[in-house]
Structures are given as C-alpha cells and as structure tokens.
Amino acid sequence: MSAERMSKATVDVLAADLELAFAFYCAASEVVDDFEDYGSHLVGTETSDHDERTPIGKLPTARNEIIDRLREPPA
C-alpha cells in the first residue's frame, strides 16, 4: 500500500469513529508527554507495570483497532 493510500485509509477509519480517534490521540499524547518528562522509563502503574490502564498500554490497543479496520475490505 502506498503512503498516500495508507494515509487516506487511516483518515477514513479515524473519521468514521471519533472515539477511536480520540483514544488514539490521547494515548499517543500521554506517551509523548511521559517520554519528555521521564525519558525512556515511561510511567506505569504503582508497581511499574505497563498494562491496559497506562498510556503505553492503551496505545497498542487503539493502534491495533486501526490496523484491523484498515484490513477490512471497503464497503
């Protein structure tokens, strides 16, 4: 898939699901903020784990949902 086609497909997926777009943006933004504040040691849970409650844990979930939707054949 070309970069242009991938970009357009990603925009279509995110435009079709504003909650997914918001979740992806928020998780990515928190990861960037944490990286800027703490370097490569992103803040995790109280026990330093990185589970689905942490920004780094939320980001792959949203990203994987976008990937799954990109793989769906067009309607």
N, C-alpha and C. Protein backbone atom coordinates (compact mmCIF):
# COMPACT_ATOMS: atom_id res chain seq x y z
N MET A 1 0.85 -1.16 0.00
CA MET A 1 0.00 0.00 0.00
C MET A 1 0.91 1.24 0.00
N SER A 2 0.59 2.17 -0.87
CA SER A 2 1.39 3.40 -0.94
C SER A 2 1.13 4.27 0.29
N ALA A 3 2.06 5.18 0.55
CA ALA A 3 1.91 6.08 1.70
C ALA A 3 0.65 6.94 1.55
N GLU A 4 0.38 7.39 0.33
CA GLU A 4 -0.81 8.22 0.11
C GLU A 4 -2.08 7.43 0.38
N ARG A 5 -2.14 6.22 -0.14
CA ARG A 5 -3.33 5.38 0.05
C ARG A 5 -3.49 5.03 1.54
N MET A 6 -2.38 4.71 2.22
CA MET A 6 -2.42 4.39 3.64
C MET A 6 -2.90 5.59 4.45
N SER A 7 -2.42 6.77 4.11
CA SER A 7 -2.84 7.98 4.81
C SER A 7 -4.33 8.22 4.66
N LYS A 8 -4.82 8.11 3.44
CA LYS A 8 -6.25 8.31 3.19
C LYS A 8 -7.10 7.27 3.90
N ALA A 9 -6.66 6.01 3.89
CA ALA A 9 -7.40 4.94 4.56
C ALA A 9 -7.43 5.17 6.07
N THR A 10 -6.31 5.62 6.63
CA THR A 10 -6.24 5.88 8.07
C THR A 10 -7.17 7.03 8.45
N VAL A 11 -7.17 8.08 7.66
CA VAL A 11 -8.07 9.21 7.90
C VAL A 11 -9.52 8.74 7.85
N ASP A 12 -9.86 7.90 6.89
CA ASP A 12 -11.22 7.40 6.78
C ASP A 12 -11.62 6.59 8.01
N VAL A 13 -10.72 5.73 8.49
CA VAL A 13 -11.00 4.92 9.69
C VAL A 13 -11.23 5.83 10.89
N LEU A 14 -10.35 6.80 11.09
CA LEU A 14 -10.46 7.67 12.25
C LEU A 14 -11.67 8.60 12.16
N ALA A 15 -11.98 9.07 10.96
CA ALA A 15 -13.14 9.94 10.78
C ALA A 15 -14.45 9.19 11.02
N ALA A 16 -14.43 7.89 10.77
CA ALA A 16 -15.64 7.09 10.97
C ALA A 16 -15.88 6.74 12.43
N ASP A 17 -14.87 6.88 13.28
CA ASP A 17 -15.01 6.53 14.70
C ASP A 17 -14.26 7.57 15.54
N LEU A 18 -14.98 8.60 15.93
CA LEU A 18 -14.35 9.69 16.66
C LEU A 18 -13.84 9.26 18.03
N GLU A 19 -14.48 8.30 18.66
CA GLU A 19 -14.00 7.80 19.95
C GLU A 19 -12.66 7.10 19.79
N LEU A 20 -12.50 6.31 18.74
CA LEU A 20 -11.23 5.66 18.46
C LEU A 20 -10.15 6.70 18.17
N ALA A 21 -10.48 7.70 17.36
CA ALA A 21 -9.52 8.76 17.05
C ALA A 21 -9.08 9.48 18.32
N PHE A 22 -10.04 9.78 19.20
CA PHE A 22 -9.73 10.47 20.44
C PHE A 22 -8.88 9.60 21.36
N ALA A 23 -9.22 8.32 21.48
CA ALA A 23 -8.45 7.40 22.32
C ALA A 23 -7.02 7.27 21.83
N PHE A 24 -6.86 7.16 20.53
CA PHE A 24 -5.53 7.04 19.94
C PHE A 24 -4.71 8.32 20.19
N TYR A 25 -5.32 9.46 19.95
CA TYR A 25 -4.63 10.73 20.16
C TYR A 25 -4.24 10.90 21.63
N CYS A 26 -5.16 10.63 22.54
CA CYS A 26 -4.88 10.82 23.96
C CYS A 26 -3.76 9.90 24.43
N ALA A 27 -3.80 8.63 24.03
CA ALA A 27 -2.75 7.70 24.44
C ALA A 27 -1.41 8.12 23.87
N ALA A 28 -1.38 8.47 22.59
CA ALA A 28 -0.13 8.90 21.96
C ALA A 28 0.40 10.17 22.62
N SER A 29 -0.48 11.10 22.92
CA SER A 29 -0.07 12.34 23.55
C SER A 29 0.51 12.10 24.94
N GLU A 30 -0.11 11.22 25.72
CA GLU A 30 0.41 10.90 27.05
C GLU A 30 1.77 10.22 26.97
N VAL A 31 1.94 9.33 25.99
CA VAL A 31 3.23 8.66 25.83
C VAL A 31 4.31 9.69 25.52
N VAL A 32 4.02 10.62 24.62
CA VAL A 32 4.99 11.65 24.27
C VAL A 32 5.29 12.53 25.49
N ASP A 33 4.25 12.94 26.21
CA ASP A 33 4.46 13.75 27.41
C ASP A 33 5.32 13.02 28.44
N ASP A 34 4.99 11.74 28.67
CA ASP A 34 5.76 10.95 29.64
C ASP A 34 7.20 10.79 29.19
N PHE A 35 7.41 10.57 27.91
CA PHE A 35 8.77 10.42 27.40
C PHE A 35 9.55 11.71 27.62
N GLU A 36 8.90 12.84 27.34
CA GLU A 36 9.57 14.12 27.54
C GLU A 36 9.91 14.35 29.01
N ASP A 37 9.02 13.91 29.91
CA ASP A 37 9.23 14.12 31.34
C ASP A 37 10.16 13.09 31.98
N TYR A 38 10.08 11.84 31.51
CA TYR A 38 10.78 10.76 32.20
C TYR A 38 11.74 9.97 31.33
N GLY A 39 11.92 10.36 30.09
CA GLY A 39 12.81 9.64 29.20
C GLY A 39 12.24 8.28 28.84
N SER A 40 13.11 7.33 28.67
CA SER A 40 12.67 6.01 28.21
C SER A 40 11.94 5.21 29.27
N HIS A 41 11.92 5.69 30.50
CA HIS A 41 11.23 5.00 31.58
C HIS A 41 9.83 5.58 31.73
N LEU A 42 8.95 5.19 30.82
CA LEU A 42 7.58 5.70 30.85
C LEU A 42 6.90 5.30 32.15
N VAL A 43 6.08 6.19 32.66
CA VAL A 43 5.38 5.92 33.90
C VAL A 43 4.38 4.79 33.69
N GLY A 44 4.42 3.84 34.61
CA GLY A 44 3.49 2.72 34.57
C GLY A 44 2.54 2.78 35.73
N THR A 45 2.13 1.63 36.19
CA THR A 45 1.25 1.54 37.34
C THR A 45 2.07 1.77 38.61
N GLU A 46 1.41 1.62 39.73
CA GLU A 46 2.10 1.80 41.02
C GLU A 46 3.26 0.82 41.17
N THR A 47 3.18 -0.31 40.48
CA THR A 47 4.23 -1.33 40.56
C THR A 47 5.15 -1.31 39.34
N SER A 48 5.12 -0.22 38.60
CA SER A 48 5.95 -0.02 37.40
C SER A 48 5.61 -0.97 36.26
N ASP A 49 4.42 -1.54 36.27
CA ASP A 49 3.96 -2.35 35.16
C ASP A 49 3.36 -1.44 34.09
N HIS A 50 3.26 -1.95 32.90
CA HIS A 50 2.62 -1.22 31.81
C HIS A 50 1.47 -2.07 31.29
N ASP A 51 0.30 -1.91 31.90
CA ASP A 51 -0.86 -2.69 31.49
C ASP A 51 -1.83 -1.81 30.73
N GLU A 52 -3.03 -2.33 30.47
CA GLU A 52 -4.01 -1.62 29.64
C GLU A 52 -4.52 -0.33 30.28
N ARG A 53 -4.18 -0.06 31.54
CA ARG A 53 -4.59 1.19 32.19
C ARG A 53 -3.61 2.32 31.94
N THR A 54 -2.41 2.01 31.48
CA THR A 54 -1.38 3.02 31.28
C THR A 54 -1.41 3.53 29.84
N PRO A 55 -0.92 4.73 29.59
CA PRO A 55 -0.90 5.25 28.22
C PRO A 55 -0.17 4.32 27.25
N ILE A 56 0.97 3.79 27.67
CA ILE A 56 1.71 2.91 26.76
C ILE A 56 0.95 1.61 26.53
N GLY A 57 0.10 1.23 27.46
CA GLY A 57 -0.74 0.05 27.28
C GLY A 57 -1.97 0.33 26.42
N LYS A 58 -2.49 1.56 26.49
CA LYS A 58 -3.67 1.94 25.70
C LYS A 58 -3.32 2.16 24.23
N LEU A 59 -2.13 2.63 23.98
CA LEU A 59 -1.73 2.98 22.62
C LEU A 59 -1.77 1.78 21.66
N PRO A 60 -1.20 0.62 22.02
CA PRO A 60 -1.27 -0.50 21.09
C PRO A 60 -2.70 -0.98 20.85
N THR A 61 -3.55 -0.87 21.86
CA THR A 61 -4.95 -1.29 21.70
C THR A 61 -5.63 -0.45 20.62
N ALA A 62 -5.47 0.87 20.72
CA ALA A 62 -6.07 1.75 19.71
C ALA A 62 -5.42 1.54 18.35
N ARG A 63 -4.08 1.42 18.34
CA ARG A 63 -3.38 1.19 17.07
C ARG A 63 -3.82 -0.11 16.41
N ASN A 64 -3.97 -1.17 17.19
CA ASN A 64 -4.38 -2.46 16.63
C ASN A 64 -5.80 -2.40 16.09
N GLU A 65 -6.67 -1.63 16.73
CA GLU A 65 -8.03 -1.46 16.21
C GLU A 65 -7.98 -0.73 14.86
N ILE A 66 -7.14 0.27 14.75
CA ILE A 66 -6.99 0.98 13.47
C ILE A 66 -6.47 0.02 12.41
N ILE A 67 -5.47 -0.78 12.74
CA ILE A 67 -4.91 -1.74 11.78
C ILE A 67 -5.98 -2.73 11.33
N ASP A 68 -6.76 -3.25 12.27
CA ASP A 68 -7.82 -4.19 11.91
C ASP A 68 -8.81 -3.56 10.95
N ARG A 69 -9.17 -2.33 11.20
CA ARG A 69 -10.13 -1.64 10.32
C ARG A 69 -9.52 -1.33 8.96
N LEU A 70 -8.24 -1.09 8.92
CA LEU A 70 -7.57 -0.86 7.63
C LEU A 70 -7.54 -2.13 6.79
N ARG A 71 -7.54 -3.28 7.46
CA ARG A 71 -7.52 -4.55 6.75
C ARG A 71 -8.89 -4.96 6.21
N GLU A 72 -9.94 -4.36 6.76
CA GLU A 72 -11.30 -4.69 6.31
C GLU A 72 -11.47 -4.24 4.87
N PRO A 73 -12.13 -5.07 4.08
CA PRO A 73 -12.38 -4.64 2.69
C PRO A 73 -13.32 -3.45 2.67
N PRO A 74 -13.15 -2.54 1.71
CA PRO A 74 -14.05 -1.36 1.63
C PRO A 74 -15.48 -1.81 1.41
N ALA A 75 -16.41 -1.05 1.98
CA ALA A 75 -17.84 -1.38 1.85
C ALA A 75 -18.39 -0.97 0.51
